[in-house]
Amino acid sequence: MLKSTGNNTSKPDIRFPPPFMFLGFIMLGVLCDWLFGLPDMATSPFIKWLGGAMIAGAIALIIISLGLFRASGENPEPWTPSTTIVARGPYRHTRNPMYLAMVAAQIGAALWFASPGMLLFVPVALIAIDRFVIRQEESYLERRFGKPYLDYCKRVRRWL
């Protein structure tokens, strides 16, 4: 766990809750399926099971990650100021386990519902989260924590 030096009390410039961004892209995928009459993806019981398992795993990862934030006294909302960098649990392997979980949930939902539209919007969701959330978070955290945060970034990848 990294503590803030207190040098910068600003907050990240994030204007839209990331879960709603992913939900929006899921809904756009469903809309594309409907508007363009996209055929269902080929599916099997195994594919449906895989999609359901991805959704369940994503929910578990989000719950664990939120629990670590709460246990550290941090607010998980990315637009709020941070005093601590959580660097344990899944944060030892990825700097963004909650966003990773949201991607997994979107892929899982696409598999479960055999939705090509949902699947087509996964890369769009990744780009949007990277550009409009992660970059702002990382810039803020670098200003806030300095070298200890940069060292953490060298040890832990953004995704996997």
N, C-alpha and C. Protein backbone atom coordinates (compact mmCIF):
# COMPACT_ATOMS: atom_id res chain seq x y z
N MET A 1 0.84 -1.16 0.00
CA MET A 1 0.00 0.00 0.00
C MET A 1 0.89 1.23 0.00
N LEU A 2 0.63 2.17 -0.91
CA LEU A 2 1.39 3.41 -1.00
C LEU A 2 0.55 4.54 -0.43
N LYS A 3 1.15 5.33 0.41
CA LYS A 3 0.45 6.48 1.00
C LYS A 3 0.80 7.73 0.22
N SER A 4 -0.14 8.66 0.18
CA SER A 4 0.06 9.92 -0.52
C SER A 4 1.07 10.78 0.22
N THR A 5 1.84 11.53 -0.56
CA THR A 5 2.74 12.50 0.03
C THR A 5 1.99 13.78 0.36
N GLY A 6 0.75 13.87 -0.14
CA GLY A 6 -0.07 15.06 0.14
C GLY A 6 0.31 16.25 -0.70
N ASN A 7 1.17 16.06 -1.70
CA ASN A 7 1.63 17.17 -2.53
C ASN A 7 0.56 17.75 -3.43
N ASN A 8 -0.43 16.94 -3.78
CA ASN A 8 -1.42 17.40 -4.73
C ASN A 8 -2.79 16.92 -4.26
N THR A 9 -3.67 17.85 -3.98
CA THR A 9 -4.99 17.48 -3.47
C THR A 9 -6.06 17.50 -4.55
N SER A 10 -5.65 17.61 -5.81
CA SER A 10 -6.64 17.59 -6.88
C SER A 10 -7.25 16.20 -6.97
N LYS A 11 -8.14 16.05 -7.93
CA LYS A 11 -8.77 14.74 -8.14
C LYS A 11 -8.73 14.43 -9.63
N PRO A 12 -8.90 13.17 -9.99
CA PRO A 12 -8.88 12.81 -11.41
C PRO A 12 -10.03 13.47 -12.17
N ASP A 13 -9.77 13.80 -13.42
CA ASP A 13 -10.78 14.44 -14.26
C ASP A 13 -11.59 13.37 -14.99
N ILE A 14 -12.42 12.66 -14.23
CA ILE A 14 -13.25 11.60 -14.80
C ILE A 14 -14.69 12.04 -14.67
N ARG A 15 -15.40 12.04 -15.78
CA ARG A 15 -16.73 12.66 -15.81
C ARG A 15 -17.90 11.70 -15.89
N PHE A 16 -17.61 10.41 -16.08
CA PHE A 16 -18.69 9.46 -16.26
C PHE A 16 -18.32 8.16 -15.58
N PRO A 17 -19.20 7.57 -14.79
CA PRO A 17 -18.87 6.33 -14.08
C PRO A 17 -18.54 5.19 -15.05
N PRO A 18 -17.35 4.58 -14.91
CA PRO A 18 -16.95 3.50 -15.82
C PRO A 18 -17.97 2.35 -15.93
N PRO A 19 -18.62 1.91 -14.85
CA PRO A 19 -19.60 0.83 -15.05
C PRO A 19 -20.70 1.22 -16.04
N PHE A 20 -21.10 2.49 -16.02
CA PHE A 20 -22.14 2.94 -16.95
C PHE A 20 -21.61 3.01 -18.37
N MET A 21 -20.30 3.26 -18.53
CA MET A 21 -19.72 3.24 -19.87
C MET A 21 -19.84 1.82 -20.45
N PHE A 22 -19.45 0.83 -19.65
CA PHE A 22 -19.55 -0.55 -20.13
C PHE A 22 -21.00 -0.93 -20.38
N LEU A 23 -21.88 -0.57 -19.49
CA LEU A 23 -23.30 -0.87 -19.68
C LEU A 23 -23.83 -0.21 -20.96
N GLY A 24 -23.38 1.00 -21.21
CA GLY A 24 -23.79 1.70 -22.44
C GLY A 24 -23.34 0.96 -23.69
N PHE A 25 -22.11 0.45 -23.67
CA PHE A 25 -21.61 -0.28 -24.84
C PHE A 25 -22.32 -1.63 -25.00
N ILE A 26 -22.68 -2.24 -23.88
CA ILE A 26 -23.47 -3.48 -23.96
C ILE A 26 -24.82 -3.17 -24.61
N MET A 27 -25.45 -2.09 -24.17
CA MET A 27 -26.76 -1.71 -24.73
C MET A 27 -26.64 -1.33 -26.20
N LEU A 28 -25.55 -0.65 -26.58
CA LEU A 28 -25.34 -0.34 -28.00
C LEU A 28 -25.20 -1.61 -28.82
N GLY A 29 -24.51 -2.60 -28.25
CA GLY A 29 -24.39 -3.88 -28.94
C GLY A 29 -25.73 -4.54 -29.16
N VAL A 30 -26.58 -4.53 -28.14
CA VAL A 30 -27.93 -5.11 -28.26
C VAL A 30 -28.72 -4.33 -29.31
N LEU A 31 -28.59 -3.01 -29.30
CA LEU A 31 -29.28 -2.18 -30.28
C LEU A 31 -28.82 -2.51 -31.70
N CYS A 32 -27.51 -2.69 -31.87
CA CYS A 32 -26.99 -3.07 -33.20
C CYS A 32 -27.52 -4.43 -33.64
N ASP A 33 -27.57 -5.39 -32.69
CA ASP A 33 -28.15 -6.70 -33.02
C ASP A 33 -29.56 -6.52 -33.56
N TRP A 34 -30.33 -5.69 -32.89
CA TRP A 34 -31.73 -5.50 -33.24
C TRP A 34 -31.89 -4.67 -34.53
N LEU A 35 -31.19 -3.52 -34.61
CA LEU A 35 -31.34 -2.63 -35.76
C LEU A 35 -30.87 -3.29 -37.06
N PHE A 36 -29.75 -3.98 -37.00
CA PHE A 36 -29.17 -4.55 -38.21
C PHE A 36 -29.51 -6.02 -38.41
N GLY A 37 -30.30 -6.56 -37.51
CA GLY A 37 -30.71 -7.95 -37.62
C GLY A 37 -29.53 -8.91 -37.62
N LEU A 38 -28.54 -8.60 -36.79
CA LEU A 38 -27.36 -9.47 -36.74
C LEU A 38 -27.77 -10.86 -36.26
N PRO A 39 -27.27 -11.88 -36.91
CA PRO A 39 -27.62 -13.24 -36.49
C PRO A 39 -26.92 -13.58 -35.18
N ASP A 40 -27.57 -14.43 -34.38
CA ASP A 40 -26.94 -14.89 -33.15
C ASP A 40 -25.63 -15.59 -33.48
N MET A 41 -24.67 -15.47 -32.58
CA MET A 41 -23.41 -16.20 -32.75
C MET A 41 -23.69 -17.68 -32.55
N ALA A 42 -22.86 -18.49 -33.17
CA ALA A 42 -22.97 -19.93 -32.94
C ALA A 42 -22.72 -20.18 -31.46
N THR A 43 -23.56 -20.99 -30.89
CA THR A 43 -23.45 -21.22 -29.45
C THR A 43 -23.65 -22.69 -29.13
N SER A 44 -23.25 -23.02 -27.96
CA SER A 44 -23.41 -24.39 -27.46
C SER A 44 -23.58 -24.26 -25.95
N PRO A 45 -23.99 -25.32 -25.29
CA PRO A 45 -24.07 -25.25 -23.82
C PRO A 45 -22.73 -24.84 -23.19
N PHE A 46 -21.63 -25.32 -23.76
CA PHE A 46 -20.32 -24.96 -23.22
C PHE A 46 -20.07 -23.46 -23.33
N ILE A 47 -20.40 -22.87 -24.49
CA ILE A 47 -20.19 -21.43 -24.70
C ILE A 47 -21.04 -20.63 -23.73
N LYS A 48 -22.30 -21.02 -23.56
CA LYS A 48 -23.17 -20.34 -22.59
C LYS A 48 -22.59 -20.47 -21.18
N TRP A 49 -22.12 -21.68 -20.84
CA TRP A 49 -21.53 -21.89 -19.52
C TRP A 49 -20.30 -21.02 -19.35
N LEU A 50 -19.47 -20.93 -20.39
CA LEU A 50 -18.27 -20.10 -20.34
C LEU A 50 -18.64 -18.63 -20.12
N GLY A 51 -19.66 -18.16 -20.83
CA GLY A 51 -20.12 -16.78 -20.65
C GLY A 51 -20.60 -16.54 -19.22
N GLY A 52 -21.39 -17.48 -18.70
CA GLY A 52 -21.87 -17.35 -17.32
C GLY A 52 -20.73 -17.37 -16.32
N ALA A 53 -19.73 -18.23 -16.56
CA ALA A 53 -18.57 -18.30 -15.66
C ALA A 53 -17.78 -17.00 -15.71
N MET A 54 -17.67 -16.40 -16.90
CA MET A 54 -16.96 -15.12 -17.01
C MET A 54 -17.69 -14.03 -16.25
N ILE A 55 -19.00 -14.01 -16.34
CA ILE A 55 -19.79 -13.02 -15.60
C ILE A 55 -19.62 -13.22 -14.10
N ALA A 56 -19.72 -14.47 -13.64
CA ALA A 56 -19.57 -14.76 -12.21
C ALA A 56 -18.17 -14.39 -11.72
N GLY A 57 -17.15 -14.74 -12.50
CA GLY A 57 -15.78 -14.38 -12.14
C GLY A 57 -15.58 -12.88 -12.09
N ALA A 58 -16.20 -12.18 -13.03
CA ALA A 58 -16.09 -10.71 -13.06
C ALA A 58 -16.73 -10.10 -11.81
N ILE A 59 -17.89 -10.60 -11.45
CA ILE A 59 -18.56 -10.10 -10.25
C ILE A 59 -17.70 -10.35 -9.01
N ALA A 60 -17.12 -11.54 -8.93
CA ALA A 60 -16.26 -11.87 -7.78
C ALA A 60 -15.05 -10.94 -7.74
N LEU A 61 -14.42 -10.69 -8.89
CA LEU A 61 -13.25 -9.81 -8.93
C LEU A 61 -13.62 -8.39 -8.52
N ILE A 62 -14.77 -7.91 -8.94
CA ILE A 62 -15.21 -6.57 -8.55
C ILE A 62 -15.47 -6.52 -7.04
N ILE A 63 -16.12 -7.53 -6.49
CA ILE A 63 -16.40 -7.55 -5.05
C ILE A 63 -15.09 -7.57 -4.25
N ILE A 64 -14.13 -8.40 -4.66
CA ILE A 64 -12.84 -8.46 -3.97
C ILE A 64 -12.12 -7.11 -4.06
N SER A 65 -12.11 -6.52 -5.25
CA SER A 65 -11.42 -5.25 -5.45
C SER A 65 -12.08 -4.13 -4.63
N LEU A 66 -13.40 -4.09 -4.63
CA LEU A 66 -14.10 -3.09 -3.82
C LEU A 66 -13.81 -3.29 -2.34
N GLY A 67 -13.76 -4.55 -1.91
CA GLY A 67 -13.45 -4.84 -0.51
C GLY A 67 -12.07 -4.34 -0.11
N LEU A 68 -11.10 -4.50 -1.00
CA LEU A 68 -9.75 -4.00 -0.72
C LEU A 68 -9.73 -2.47 -0.63
N PHE A 69 -10.48 -1.82 -1.48
CA PHE A 69 -10.58 -0.36 -1.41
C PHE A 69 -11.17 0.05 -0.06
N ARG A 70 -12.28 -0.56 0.29
CA ARG A 70 -12.94 -0.23 1.56
C ARG A 70 -12.03 -0.50 2.75
N ALA A 71 -11.34 -1.65 2.74
CA ALA A 71 -10.45 -2.02 3.84
C ALA A 71 -9.28 -1.04 3.96
N SER A 72 -8.90 -0.41 2.85
CA SER A 72 -7.81 0.56 2.86
C SER A 72 -8.29 1.97 3.16
N GLY A 73 -9.61 2.12 3.34
CA GLY A 73 -10.16 3.45 3.60
C GLY A 73 -10.27 4.31 2.36
N GLU A 74 -10.20 3.70 1.21
CA GLU A 74 -10.28 4.43 -0.06
C GLU A 74 -11.69 4.37 -0.63
N ASN A 75 -12.05 5.39 -1.37
CA ASN A 75 -13.30 5.42 -2.09
C ASN A 75 -13.03 4.84 -3.48
N PRO A 76 -13.77 3.83 -3.92
CA PRO A 76 -13.49 3.22 -5.23
C PRO A 76 -13.93 4.08 -6.41
N GLU A 77 -14.68 5.13 -6.17
CA GLU A 77 -15.12 5.98 -7.29
C GLU A 77 -13.90 6.71 -7.85
N PRO A 78 -13.60 6.52 -9.14
CA PRO A 78 -12.34 7.03 -9.69
C PRO A 78 -12.25 8.55 -9.82
N TRP A 79 -13.32 9.26 -9.58
CA TRP A 79 -13.29 10.72 -9.70
C TRP A 79 -13.04 11.38 -8.34
N THR A 80 -12.80 10.58 -7.31
CA THR A 80 -12.55 11.13 -5.97
C THR A 80 -11.05 11.12 -5.67
N PRO A 81 -10.60 12.01 -4.79
CA PRO A 81 -9.17 12.04 -4.43
C PRO A 81 -8.73 10.73 -3.76
N SER A 82 -7.47 10.39 -3.93
CA SER A 82 -6.90 9.18 -3.34
C SER A 82 -5.83 9.54 -2.32
N THR A 83 -5.78 8.77 -1.26
CA THR A 83 -4.71 8.94 -0.26
C THR A 83 -3.83 7.70 -0.22
N THR A 84 -4.27 6.62 -0.84
CA THR A 84 -3.56 5.34 -0.80
C THR A 84 -3.69 4.64 -2.15
N ILE A 85 -2.62 3.97 -2.53
CA ILE A 85 -2.67 3.10 -3.71
C ILE A 85 -2.82 1.68 -3.18
N VAL A 86 -3.87 1.00 -3.56
CA VAL A 86 -4.06 -0.39 -3.17
C VAL A 86 -3.17 -1.23 -4.08
N ALA A 87 -2.24 -1.98 -3.48
CA ALA A 87 -1.28 -2.75 -4.27
C ALA A 87 -1.23 -4.21 -3.81
N ARG A 88 -2.33 -4.71 -3.28
CA ARG A 88 -2.36 -6.11 -2.83
C ARG A 88 -3.53 -6.81 -3.48
N GLY A 89 -3.66 -8.09 -3.23
CA GLY A 89 -4.73 -8.87 -3.86
C GLY A 89 -4.57 -8.83 -5.37
N PRO A 90 -5.66 -8.64 -6.11
CA PRO A 90 -5.55 -8.62 -7.57
C PRO A 90 -4.72 -7.45 -8.08
N TYR A 91 -4.55 -6.42 -7.25
CA TYR A 91 -3.75 -5.25 -7.66
C TYR A 91 -2.26 -5.57 -7.71
N ARG A 92 -1.85 -6.76 -7.30
CA ARG A 92 -0.47 -7.20 -7.47
C ARG A 92 -0.23 -7.69 -8.89
N HIS A 93 -1.32 -8.00 -9.62
CA HIS A 93 -1.21 -8.58 -10.96
C HIS A 93 -1.71 -7.65 -12.06
N THR A 94 -2.59 -6.75 -11.72
CA THR A 94 -3.13 -5.79 -12.69
C THR A 94 -3.47 -4.50 -11.96
N ARG A 95 -3.19 -3.37 -12.59
CA ARG A 95 -3.52 -2.09 -11.95
C ARG A 95 -5.01 -1.77 -12.07
N ASN A 96 -5.72 -2.51 -12.90
CA ASN A 96 -7.13 -2.20 -13.16
C ASN A 96 -8.01 -3.44 -13.08
N PRO A 97 -8.06 -4.11 -11.95
CA PRO A 97 -8.86 -5.33 -11.91
C PRO A 97 -10.36 -5.08 -12.10
N MET A 98 -10.85 -3.94 -11.66
CA MET A 98 -12.29 -3.68 -11.84
C MET A 98 -12.63 -3.46 -13.32
N TYR A 99 -11.78 -2.76 -14.05
CA TYR A 99 -12.03 -2.55 -15.48
C TYR A 99 -11.85 -3.86 -16.23
N LEU A 100 -10.86 -4.64 -15.83
CA LEU A 100 -10.67 -5.96 -16.41
C LEU A 100 -11.91 -6.82 -16.19
N ALA A 101 -12.47 -6.74 -15.00
CA ALA A 101 -13.69 -7.50 -14.70
C ALA A 101 -14.86 -7.01 -15.56
N MET A 102 -14.95 -5.72 -15.78
CA MET A 102 -16.05 -5.19 -16.60
C MET A 102 -15.92 -5.66 -18.05
N VAL A 103 -14.69 -5.74 -18.56
CA VAL A 103 -14.46 -6.28 -19.90
C VAL A 103 -14.88 -7.75 -19.94
N ALA A 104 -14.46 -8.51 -18.92
CA ALA A 104 -14.82 -9.93 -18.86
C ALA A 104 -16.34 -10.11 -18.79
N ALA A 105 -17.00 -9.24 -18.03
CA ALA A 105 -18.46 -9.33 -17.93
C ALA A 105 -19.12 -9.04 -19.28
N GLN A 106 -18.58 -8.07 -20.02
CA GLN A 106 -19.15 -7.75 -21.33
C GLN A 106 -18.95 -8.92 -22.30
N ILE A 107 -17.77 -9.51 -22.29
CA ILE A 107 -17.53 -10.66 -23.15
C ILE A 107 -18.42 -11.83 -22.71
N GLY A 108 -18.51 -12.04 -21.40
CA GLY A 108 -19.36 -13.11 -20.88
C GLY A 108 -20.82 -12.93 -21.28
N ALA A 109 -21.30 -11.69 -21.19
CA ALA A 109 -22.69 -11.43 -21.58
C ALA A 109 -22.89 -11.68 -23.08
N ALA A 110 -21.90 -11.29 -23.88
CA ALA A 110 -22.00 -11.54 -25.33
C ALA A 110 -22.08 -13.04 -25.62
N LEU A 111 -21.29 -13.83 -24.89
CA LEU A 111 -21.33 -15.28 -25.09
C LEU A 111 -22.65 -15.86 -24.59
N TRP A 112 -23.08 -15.43 -23.41
CA TRP A 112 -24.31 -15.96 -22.82
C TRP A 112 -25.52 -15.69 -23.72
N PHE A 113 -25.58 -14.46 -24.25
CA PHE A 113 -26.73 -14.07 -25.07
C PHE A 113 -26.48 -14.26 -26.57
N ALA A 114 -25.32 -14.82 -26.93
CA ALA A 114 -24.96 -15.06 -28.34
C ALA A 114 -25.07 -13.77 -29.16
N SER A 115 -24.60 -12.66 -28.59
CA SER A 115 -24.76 -11.35 -29.19
C SER A 115 -23.50 -10.87 -29.89
N PRO A 116 -23.49 -10.86 -31.22
CA PRO A 116 -22.32 -10.33 -31.92
C PRO A 116 -22.14 -8.84 -31.69
N GLY A 117 -23.24 -8.11 -31.53
CA GLY A 117 -23.14 -6.67 -31.29
C GLY A 117 -22.40 -6.36 -29.99
N MET A 118 -22.74 -7.07 -28.92
CA MET A 118 -22.04 -6.87 -27.64
C MET A 118 -20.55 -7.15 -27.80
N LEU A 119 -20.25 -8.23 -28.51
CA LEU A 119 -18.85 -8.61 -28.70
C LEU A 119 -18.11 -7.57 -29.55
N LEU A 120 -18.77 -7.05 -30.57
CA LEU A 120 -18.14 -6.04 -31.43
C LEU A 120 -17.80 -4.76 -30.67
N PHE A 121 -18.55 -4.46 -29.62
CA PHE A 121 -18.30 -3.23 -28.85
C PHE A 121 -17.27 -3.40 -27.74
N VAL A 122 -16.74 -4.60 -27.54
CA VAL A 122 -15.69 -4.79 -26.52
C VAL A 122 -14.47 -3.92 -26.81
N PRO A 123 -13.90 -3.95 -28.03
CA PRO A 123 -12.73 -3.09 -28.27
C PRO A 123 -13.06 -1.60 -28.11
N VAL A 124 -14.27 -1.21 -28.48
CA VAL A 124 -14.68 0.19 -28.33
C VAL A 124 -14.71 0.56 -26.85
N ALA A 125 -15.25 -0.33 -26.03
CA ALA A 125 -15.30 -0.10 -24.58
C ALA A 125 -13.88 0.01 -24.02
N LEU A 126 -12.99 -0.87 -24.46
CA LEU A 126 -11.60 -0.82 -23.99
C LEU A 126 -10.94 0.50 -24.35
N ILE A 127 -11.12 0.95 -25.57
CA ILE A 127 -10.52 2.21 -26.01
C ILE A 127 -11.11 3.37 -25.21
N ALA A 128 -12.42 3.38 -25.04
CA ALA A 128 -13.07 4.47 -24.29
C ALA A 128 -12.58 4.51 -22.84
N ILE A 129 -12.50 3.36 -22.18
CA ILE A 129 -12.03 3.31 -20.80
C ILE A 129 -10.57 3.76 -20.72
N ASP A 130 -9.78 3.33 -21.68
CA ASP A 130 -8.37 3.73 -21.68
C ASP A 130 -8.23 5.23 -21.86
N ARG A 131 -8.91 5.79 -22.83
CA ARG A 131 -8.76 7.21 -23.16
C ARG A 131 -9.42 8.15 -22.14
N PHE A 132 -10.60 7.78 -21.67
CA PHE A 132 -11.38 8.72 -20.86
C PHE A 132 -11.34 8.45 -19.36
N VAL A 133 -10.77 7.32 -18.96
CA VAL A 133 -10.72 7.02 -17.53
C VAL A 133 -9.29 6.69 -17.09
N ILE A 134 -8.71 5.63 -17.63
CA ILE A 134 -7.42 5.17 -17.15
C ILE A 134 -6.33 6.23 -17.31
N ARG A 135 -6.28 6.88 -18.44
CA ARG A 135 -5.24 7.91 -18.65
C ARG A 135 -5.37 9.04 -17.63
N GLN A 136 -6.61 9.46 -17.33
CA GLN A 136 -6.80 10.51 -16.34
C GLN A 136 -6.42 10.01 -14.94
N GLU A 137 -6.81 8.77 -14.62
CA GLU A 137 -6.44 8.21 -13.32
C GLU A 137 -4.93 8.13 -13.17
N GLU A 138 -4.26 7.59 -14.18
CA GLU A 138 -2.82 7.41 -14.08
C GLU A 138 -2.08 8.74 -13.99
N SER A 139 -2.52 9.72 -14.75
CA SER A 139 -1.90 11.04 -14.68
C SER A 139 -2.06 11.63 -13.27
N TYR A 140 -3.26 11.53 -12.74
CA TYR A 140 -3.53 12.01 -11.38
C TYR A 140 -2.67 11.27 -10.35
N LEU A 141 -2.63 9.94 -10.44
CA LEU A 141 -1.88 9.15 -9.46
C LEU A 141 -0.38 9.43 -9.54
N GLU A 142 0.12 9.68 -10.73
CA GLU A 142 1.54 10.04 -10.87
C GLU A 142 1.81 11.38 -10.19
N ARG A 143 0.93 12.36 -10.40
CA ARG A 143 1.10 13.65 -9.72
C ARG A 143 0.99 13.50 -8.21
N ARG A 144 0.06 12.69 -7.79
CA ARG A 144 -0.25 12.55 -6.36
C ARG A 144 0.82 11.77 -5.60
N PHE A 145 1.33 10.67 -6.19
CA PHE A 145 2.23 9.77 -5.48
C PHE A 145 3.67 9.79 -5.99
N GLY A 146 3.89 10.31 -7.21
CA GLY A 146 5.23 10.42 -7.75
C GLY A 146 5.93 9.10 -7.99
N LYS A 147 7.21 9.04 -7.60
CA LYS A 147 8.06 7.88 -7.87
C LYS A 147 7.49 6.58 -7.32
N PRO A 148 6.94 6.53 -6.11
CA PRO A 148 6.38 5.24 -5.65
C PRO A 148 5.30 4.70 -6.59
N TYR A 149 4.49 5.58 -7.16
CA TYR A 149 3.47 5.11 -8.11
C TYR A 149 4.13 4.64 -9.40
N LEU A 150 5.12 5.37 -9.89
CA LEU A 150 5.82 4.96 -11.12
C LEU A 150 6.52 3.61 -10.92
N ASP A 151 7.07 3.38 -9.72
CA ASP A 151 7.68 2.09 -9.42
C ASP A 151 6.62 0.98 -9.43
N TYR A 152 5.45 1.28 -8.89
CA TYR A 152 4.34 0.32 -8.91
C TYR A 152 3.96 -0.01 -10.36
N CYS A 153 3.91 1.02 -11.20
CA CYS A 153 3.58 0.80 -12.62
C CYS A 153 4.61 -0.08 -13.32
N LYS A 154 5.86 0.03 -12.91
CA LYS A 154 6.90 -0.82 -13.51
C LYS A 154 6.73 -2.27 -13.08
N ARG A 155 6.24 -2.49 -11.87
CA ARG A 155 6.07 -3.86 -11.35
C ARG A 155 4.79 -4.52 -11.82
N VAL A 156 3.74 -3.72 -12.04
CA VAL A 156 2.40 -4.27 -12.31
C VAL A 156 1.87 -3.71 -13.63
N ARG A 157 1.43 -4.58 -14.49
CA ARG A 157 0.90 -4.16 -15.78
C ARG A 157 -0.46 -3.50 -15.65
N ARG A 158 -0.80 -2.73 -16.66
CA ARG A 158 -2.09 -2.05 -16.68
C ARG A 158 -3.24 -3.06 -16.72
N TRP A 159 -3.12 -4.06 -17.58
CA TRP A 159 -4.18 -5.06 -17.72
C TRP A 159 -3.73 -6.38 -17.15
N LEU A 160 -2.98 -7.16 -17.87
CA LEU A 160 -2.49 -8.47 -17.38
C LEU A 160 -1.04 -8.67 -17.76
